[in-house]
Amino acid sequence: MTAQGLKFPLAISQRGVAAASPRTRQIREQLEQLLFTLPGERVTRPEFGCGVQRLVFAGAGEETAAAAEYIISTAIRNYLDDVMQLDAVRVSVHESTLYIDILYTLRDTGAELSASFDQPLQGVP
């Protein structure tokens, strides 16, 4: 049987119970939560999150990409180190969009996986 965990965002299955995701999907969903949760957004874990959407005001440039790589790497090592080994984080900016590529290895199976996300960077007019 494949290991499973709670689906993100939380959903109710057709059976009326909390929906589940396969383990590899659940870890990707945890990455998504970490990337797009603002620190302070969770009452019980106020320091949780990267808040990459805060970089919306930083503009599209190499400095923004470097800052995002640092913020993301640090957060993953702080919050997901027990389930994955971070292999690489690459952030690039193209036409006002932040592209995030994360390479990681699952600690329990040794599977090497990747996840990609993007976030529009729309500065203040």
N, C-alpha and C. Protein backbone atom coordinates (compact mmCIF):
# COMPACT_ATOMS: atom_id res chain seq x y z
N MET A 1 0.84 -1.19 0.00
CA MET A 1 0.00 0.00 0.00
C MET A 1 0.88 1.24 0.00
N THR A 2 0.52 2.23 -0.80
CA THR A 2 1.26 3.47 -0.90
C THR A 2 0.95 4.35 0.30
N ALA A 3 2.00 4.95 0.89
CA ALA A 3 1.81 5.86 2.01
C ALA A 3 1.02 7.09 1.54
N GLN A 4 0.14 7.57 2.41
CA GLN A 4 -0.68 8.72 2.07
C GLN A 4 -0.71 9.69 3.23
N GLY A 5 -1.14 10.92 2.93
CA GLY A 5 -1.31 11.95 3.94
C GLY A 5 -2.46 12.85 3.54
N LEU A 6 -2.80 13.80 4.38
CA LEU A 6 -3.90 14.71 4.09
C LEU A 6 -3.64 15.53 2.84
N LYS A 7 -4.66 15.70 2.04
CA LYS A 7 -4.58 16.49 0.82
C LYS A 7 -4.56 17.97 1.16
N PHE A 8 -3.82 18.74 0.38
CA PHE A 8 -3.81 20.20 0.49
C PHE A 8 -4.22 20.79 -0.83
N PRO A 9 -5.12 21.75 -0.87
CA PRO A 9 -5.86 22.21 0.30
C PRO A 9 -6.81 21.12 0.79
N LEU A 10 -7.13 21.19 2.07
CA LEU A 10 -7.99 20.19 2.69
C LEU A 10 -9.28 20.05 1.89
N ALA A 11 -9.65 18.82 1.63
CA ALA A 11 -10.87 18.53 0.87
C ALA A 11 -11.55 17.31 1.48
N ILE A 12 -12.82 17.19 1.21
CA ILE A 12 -13.59 16.05 1.68
C ILE A 12 -13.76 15.09 0.51
N SER A 13 -13.50 13.83 0.74
CA SER A 13 -13.62 12.83 -0.32
C SER A 13 -15.10 12.48 -0.54
N GLN A 14 -15.35 11.66 -1.55
CA GLN A 14 -16.72 11.23 -1.85
C GLN A 14 -17.29 10.37 -0.72
N ARG A 15 -16.42 9.79 0.08
CA ARG A 15 -16.87 8.99 1.23
C ARG A 15 -17.19 9.83 2.45
N GLY A 16 -16.93 11.15 2.37
CA GLY A 16 -17.26 12.04 3.48
C GLY A 16 -16.17 12.18 4.52
N VAL A 17 -14.96 11.75 4.18
CA VAL A 17 -13.83 11.88 5.10
C VAL A 17 -12.78 12.79 4.46
N ALA A 18 -11.79 13.17 5.24
CA ALA A 18 -10.72 14.01 4.70
C ALA A 18 -10.04 13.28 3.55
N ALA A 19 -9.88 13.99 2.43
CA ALA A 19 -9.23 13.40 1.25
C ALA A 19 -7.74 13.21 1.51
N ALA A 20 -7.17 12.21 0.86
CA ALA A 20 -5.76 11.89 1.03
C ALA A 20 -5.02 12.04 -0.30
N SER A 21 -3.73 12.27 -0.19
CA SER A 21 -2.85 12.33 -1.36
C SER A 21 -1.75 11.30 -1.18
N PRO A 22 -1.26 10.71 -2.28
CA PRO A 22 -0.10 9.84 -2.17
C PRO A 22 1.08 10.62 -1.56
N ARG A 23 1.98 9.94 -0.91
CA ARG A 23 3.09 10.57 -0.17
C ARG A 23 3.87 11.57 -1.03
N THR A 24 4.22 11.22 -2.26
CA THR A 24 5.01 12.15 -3.08
C THR A 24 4.20 13.40 -3.41
N ARG A 25 2.92 13.25 -3.65
CA ARG A 25 2.05 14.41 -3.92
C ARG A 25 1.89 15.26 -2.67
N GLN A 26 1.77 14.60 -1.51
CA GLN A 26 1.61 15.33 -0.26
C GLN A 26 2.83 16.20 0.02
N ILE A 27 4.01 15.70 -0.26
CA ILE A 27 5.21 16.49 -0.02
C ILE A 27 5.26 17.68 -0.96
N ARG A 28 4.86 17.51 -2.22
CA ARG A 28 4.78 18.64 -3.14
C ARG A 28 3.78 19.67 -2.62
N GLU A 29 2.65 19.20 -2.08
CA GLU A 29 1.65 20.10 -1.52
C GLU A 29 2.20 20.84 -0.30
N GLN A 30 3.04 20.16 0.49
CA GLN A 30 3.68 20.82 1.63
C GLN A 30 4.63 21.92 1.15
N LEU A 31 5.36 21.65 0.08
CA LEU A 31 6.22 22.68 -0.50
C LEU A 31 5.41 23.89 -0.92
N GLU A 32 4.29 23.64 -1.56
CA GLU A 32 3.43 24.74 -2.00
C GLU A 32 2.92 25.56 -0.82
N GLN A 33 2.52 24.88 0.25
CA GLN A 33 2.09 25.58 1.46
C GLN A 33 3.21 26.46 1.99
N LEU A 34 4.40 25.89 2.07
CA LEU A 34 5.54 26.63 2.62
C LEU A 34 5.87 27.85 1.77
N LEU A 35 5.87 27.69 0.45
CA LEU A 35 6.22 28.79 -0.44
C LEU A 35 5.23 29.95 -0.36
N PHE A 36 3.95 29.65 -0.32
CA PHE A 36 2.93 30.67 -0.47
C PHE A 36 2.21 31.06 0.82
N THR A 37 2.71 30.59 1.97
CA THR A 37 2.20 31.03 3.26
C THR A 37 3.08 32.18 3.74
N LEU A 38 2.46 33.25 4.16
CA LEU A 38 3.21 34.40 4.69
C LEU A 38 3.57 34.13 6.15
N PRO A 39 4.81 34.41 6.54
CA PRO A 39 5.13 34.31 7.97
C PRO A 39 4.15 35.20 8.75
N GLY A 40 3.60 34.64 9.84
CA GLY A 40 2.61 35.34 10.64
C GLY A 40 1.19 34.98 10.27
N GLU A 41 1.00 34.30 9.15
CA GLU A 41 -0.34 33.94 8.69
C GLU A 41 -0.96 32.83 9.54
N ARG A 42 -0.14 31.95 10.07
CA ARG A 42 -0.64 30.85 10.90
C ARG A 42 -0.49 31.22 12.37
N VAL A 43 -1.59 31.21 13.07
CA VAL A 43 -1.60 31.62 14.47
C VAL A 43 -0.72 30.71 15.32
N THR A 44 -0.80 29.40 15.11
CA THR A 44 -0.06 28.46 15.94
C THR A 44 1.39 28.27 15.51
N ARG A 45 1.74 28.72 14.31
CA ARG A 45 3.12 28.65 13.82
C ARG A 45 3.45 29.95 13.10
N PRO A 46 3.59 31.04 13.84
CA PRO A 46 3.73 32.35 13.21
C PRO A 46 4.98 32.51 12.36
N GLU A 47 5.99 31.71 12.59
CA GLU A 47 7.22 31.83 11.81
C GLU A 47 7.20 30.98 10.53
N PHE A 48 6.18 30.15 10.35
CA PHE A 48 6.08 29.24 9.20
C PHE A 48 5.83 30.02 7.92
N GLY A 49 6.49 29.61 6.85
CA GLY A 49 6.23 30.16 5.53
C GLY A 49 7.39 30.90 4.93
N CYS A 50 7.34 31.05 3.61
CA CYS A 50 8.34 31.82 2.85
C CYS A 50 7.80 33.17 2.46
N GLY A 51 6.55 33.18 2.07
CA GLY A 51 5.96 34.43 1.63
C GLY A 51 6.58 34.98 0.36
N VAL A 52 6.82 34.11 -0.63
CA VAL A 52 7.44 34.60 -1.86
C VAL A 52 6.60 35.68 -2.53
N GLN A 53 5.30 35.70 -2.23
CA GLN A 53 4.47 36.74 -2.82
C GLN A 53 4.84 38.13 -2.30
N ARG A 54 5.57 38.21 -1.18
CA ARG A 54 6.05 39.51 -0.69
C ARG A 54 7.06 40.11 -1.64
N LEU A 55 7.69 39.29 -2.45
CA LEU A 55 8.69 39.78 -3.40
C LEU A 55 8.05 40.52 -4.55
N VAL A 56 6.73 40.57 -4.56
CA VAL A 56 6.01 41.27 -5.61
C VAL A 56 6.45 42.73 -5.69
N PHE A 57 6.86 43.30 -4.59
CA PHE A 57 7.26 44.70 -4.56
C PHE A 57 8.76 44.89 -4.80
N ALA A 58 9.49 43.79 -4.94
CA ALA A 58 10.93 43.87 -5.15
C ALA A 58 11.29 44.09 -6.61
N GLY A 59 10.35 43.86 -7.50
CA GLY A 59 10.64 44.01 -8.93
C GLY A 59 11.24 42.74 -9.49
N ALA A 60 11.35 42.69 -10.78
CA ALA A 60 11.87 41.52 -11.47
C ALA A 60 13.33 41.74 -11.80
N GLY A 61 14.21 41.02 -11.12
CA GLY A 61 15.63 41.16 -11.39
C GLY A 61 16.43 40.08 -10.71
N GLU A 62 17.74 40.10 -10.92
CA GLU A 62 18.63 39.09 -10.34
C GLU A 62 18.62 39.14 -8.82
N GLU A 63 18.50 40.33 -8.25
CA GLU A 63 18.48 40.45 -6.79
C GLU A 63 17.25 39.77 -6.20
N THR A 64 16.11 39.93 -6.87
CA THR A 64 14.88 39.29 -6.41
C THR A 64 15.02 37.77 -6.48
N ALA A 65 15.58 37.25 -7.55
CA ALA A 65 15.77 35.81 -7.70
C ALA A 65 16.72 35.28 -6.63
N ALA A 66 17.81 35.99 -6.37
CA ALA A 66 18.78 35.55 -5.35
C ALA A 66 18.14 35.57 -3.95
N ALA A 67 17.39 36.60 -3.65
CA ALA A 67 16.71 36.69 -2.36
C ALA A 67 15.71 35.55 -2.21
N ALA A 68 14.97 35.26 -3.28
CA ALA A 68 13.99 34.18 -3.24
C ALA A 68 14.67 32.83 -3.02
N GLU A 69 15.78 32.57 -3.69
CA GLU A 69 16.50 31.31 -3.50
C GLU A 69 16.92 31.14 -2.05
N TYR A 70 17.44 32.19 -1.45
CA TYR A 70 17.87 32.13 -0.06
C TYR A 70 16.69 31.88 0.88
N ILE A 71 15.61 32.64 0.71
CA ILE A 71 14.43 32.51 1.57
C ILE A 71 13.84 31.10 1.46
N ILE A 72 13.73 30.61 0.24
CA ILE A 72 13.14 29.29 0.01
C ILE A 72 14.03 28.18 0.58
N SER A 73 15.32 28.24 0.30
CA SER A 73 16.25 27.22 0.82
C SER A 73 16.22 27.15 2.33
N THR A 74 16.25 28.31 2.96
CA THR A 74 16.25 28.35 4.43
C THR A 74 14.95 27.78 4.99
N ALA A 75 13.83 28.15 4.41
CA ALA A 75 12.54 27.66 4.91
C ALA A 75 12.40 26.15 4.73
N ILE A 76 12.83 25.64 3.59
CA ILE A 76 12.74 24.19 3.36
C ILE A 76 13.60 23.44 4.37
N ARG A 77 14.80 23.93 4.61
CA ARG A 77 15.68 23.27 5.59
C ARG A 77 15.11 23.36 7.00
N ASN A 78 14.42 24.45 7.31
CA ASN A 78 13.84 24.61 8.65
C ASN A 78 12.60 23.75 8.86
N TYR A 79 11.76 23.60 7.84
CA TYR A 79 10.44 23.00 8.04
C TYR A 79 10.24 21.64 7.39
N LEU A 80 11.02 21.30 6.38
CA LEU A 80 10.79 20.03 5.69
C LEU A 80 12.02 19.12 5.69
N ASP A 81 13.02 19.47 6.47
CA ASP A 81 14.26 18.71 6.49
C ASP A 81 14.06 17.26 6.95
N ASP A 82 13.04 17.00 7.72
CA ASP A 82 12.80 15.64 8.20
C ASP A 82 12.26 14.72 7.11
N VAL A 83 11.67 15.28 6.05
CA VAL A 83 11.11 14.45 4.98
C VAL A 83 11.90 14.51 3.69
N MET A 84 12.73 15.55 3.51
CA MET A 84 13.47 15.67 2.26
C MET A 84 14.85 16.28 2.48
N GLN A 85 15.72 15.91 1.57
CA GLN A 85 17.03 16.55 1.49
C GLN A 85 16.95 17.51 0.31
N LEU A 86 17.19 18.77 0.55
CA LEU A 86 17.14 19.77 -0.51
C LEU A 86 18.40 19.64 -1.36
N ASP A 87 18.21 19.43 -2.65
CA ASP A 87 19.34 19.30 -3.56
C ASP A 87 19.64 20.62 -4.28
N ALA A 88 18.61 21.34 -4.68
CA ALA A 88 18.84 22.61 -5.37
C ALA A 88 17.55 23.42 -5.42
N VAL A 89 17.74 24.73 -5.39
CA VAL A 89 16.64 25.67 -5.61
C VAL A 89 17.13 26.63 -6.69
N ARG A 90 16.36 26.75 -7.74
CA ARG A 90 16.69 27.68 -8.82
C ARG A 90 15.49 28.60 -8.99
N VAL A 91 15.77 29.88 -8.94
CA VAL A 91 14.73 30.87 -9.13
C VAL A 91 15.15 31.76 -10.28
N SER A 92 14.24 32.00 -11.18
CA SER A 92 14.52 32.91 -12.29
C SER A 92 13.33 33.83 -12.45
N VAL A 93 13.59 34.98 -13.05
CA VAL A 93 12.55 35.96 -13.31
C VAL A 93 12.51 36.19 -14.80
N HIS A 94 11.31 36.06 -15.36
CA HIS A 94 11.13 36.29 -16.79
C HIS A 94 9.80 36.97 -17.00
N GLU A 95 9.84 38.12 -17.63
CA GLU A 95 8.63 38.89 -17.93
C GLU A 95 7.70 39.01 -16.71
N SER A 96 8.24 39.49 -15.62
CA SER A 96 7.48 39.78 -14.40
C SER A 96 6.87 38.55 -13.74
N THR A 97 7.46 37.40 -13.94
CA THR A 97 7.03 36.19 -13.25
C THR A 97 8.24 35.53 -12.60
N LEU A 98 8.08 35.13 -11.35
CA LEU A 98 9.10 34.42 -10.60
C LEU A 98 8.88 32.93 -10.82
N TYR A 99 9.86 32.23 -11.36
CA TYR A 99 9.79 30.78 -11.60
C TYR A 99 10.66 30.08 -10.57
N ILE A 100 10.10 29.11 -9.88
CA ILE A 100 10.79 28.41 -8.81
C ILE A 100 10.88 26.93 -9.16
N ASP A 101 12.10 26.40 -9.21
CA ASP A 101 12.34 24.98 -9.44
C ASP A 101 13.08 24.42 -8.24
N ILE A 102 12.55 23.36 -7.67
CA ILE A 102 13.13 22.76 -6.48
C ILE A 102 13.43 21.29 -6.78
N LEU A 103 14.67 20.90 -6.54
CA LEU A 103 15.09 19.50 -6.66
C LEU A 103 15.33 18.97 -5.26
N TYR A 104 14.81 17.79 -4.98
CA TYR A 104 14.94 17.24 -3.63
C TYR A 104 14.92 15.72 -3.65
N THR A 105 15.41 15.12 -2.57
CA THR A 105 15.44 13.67 -2.41
C THR A 105 14.64 13.32 -1.17
N LEU A 106 13.70 12.38 -1.31
CA LEU A 106 12.91 11.95 -0.16
C LEU A 106 13.78 11.13 0.77
N ARG A 107 13.74 11.44 2.03
CA ARG A 107 14.59 10.75 3.00
C ARG A 107 14.16 9.30 3.21
N ASP A 108 12.86 9.01 3.14
CA ASP A 108 12.41 7.65 3.44
C ASP A 108 12.60 6.68 2.28
N THR A 109 12.58 7.15 1.04
CA THR A 109 12.70 6.24 -0.10
C THR A 109 13.93 6.49 -0.96
N GLY A 110 14.54 7.67 -0.83
CA GLY A 110 15.67 8.02 -1.68
C GLY A 110 15.27 8.48 -3.07
N ALA A 111 13.97 8.62 -3.31
CA ALA A 111 13.49 9.06 -4.63
C ALA A 111 13.90 10.51 -4.86
N GLU A 112 14.43 10.77 -6.05
CA GLU A 112 14.80 12.13 -6.43
C GLU A 112 13.64 12.74 -7.22
N LEU A 113 13.14 13.87 -6.75
CA LEU A 113 11.97 14.50 -7.33
C LEU A 113 12.22 15.98 -7.60
N SER A 114 11.34 16.58 -8.36
CA SER A 114 11.41 18.01 -8.60
C SER A 114 10.01 18.59 -8.53
N ALA A 115 9.95 19.87 -8.24
CA ALA A 115 8.67 20.59 -8.22
C ALA A 115 8.91 21.97 -8.80
N SER A 116 7.97 22.46 -9.58
CA SER A 116 8.07 23.78 -10.18
C SER A 116 6.84 24.60 -9.83
N PHE A 117 7.07 25.87 -9.56
CA PHE A 117 6.01 26.80 -9.20
C PHE A 117 6.30 28.12 -9.89
N ASP A 118 5.27 28.95 -10.06
CA ASP A 118 5.51 30.29 -10.56
C ASP A 118 4.63 31.27 -9.82
N GLN A 119 5.12 32.51 -9.73
CA GLN A 119 4.42 33.57 -9.01
C GLN A 119 4.57 34.87 -9.78
N PRO A 120 3.46 35.46 -10.24
CA PRO A 120 3.56 36.74 -10.93
C PRO A 120 4.12 37.83 -10.03
N LEU A 121 4.96 38.68 -10.56
CA LEU A 121 5.51 39.81 -9.83
C LEU A 121 4.95 41.08 -10.45
N GLN A 122 3.92 41.58 -9.86
CA GLN A 122 3.28 42.79 -10.38
C GLN A 122 3.50 43.90 -9.38
N GLY A 123 4.43 44.77 -9.69
CA GLY A 123 4.79 45.86 -8.81
C GLY A 123 3.72 46.93 -8.71
N VAL A 124 3.93 47.85 -7.80
CA VAL A 124 3.00 48.95 -7.61
C VAL A 124 3.08 49.89 -8.80
N PRO A 125 1.95 50.30 -9.39
CA PRO A 125 1.98 51.18 -10.56
C PRO A 125 2.52 52.56 -10.20
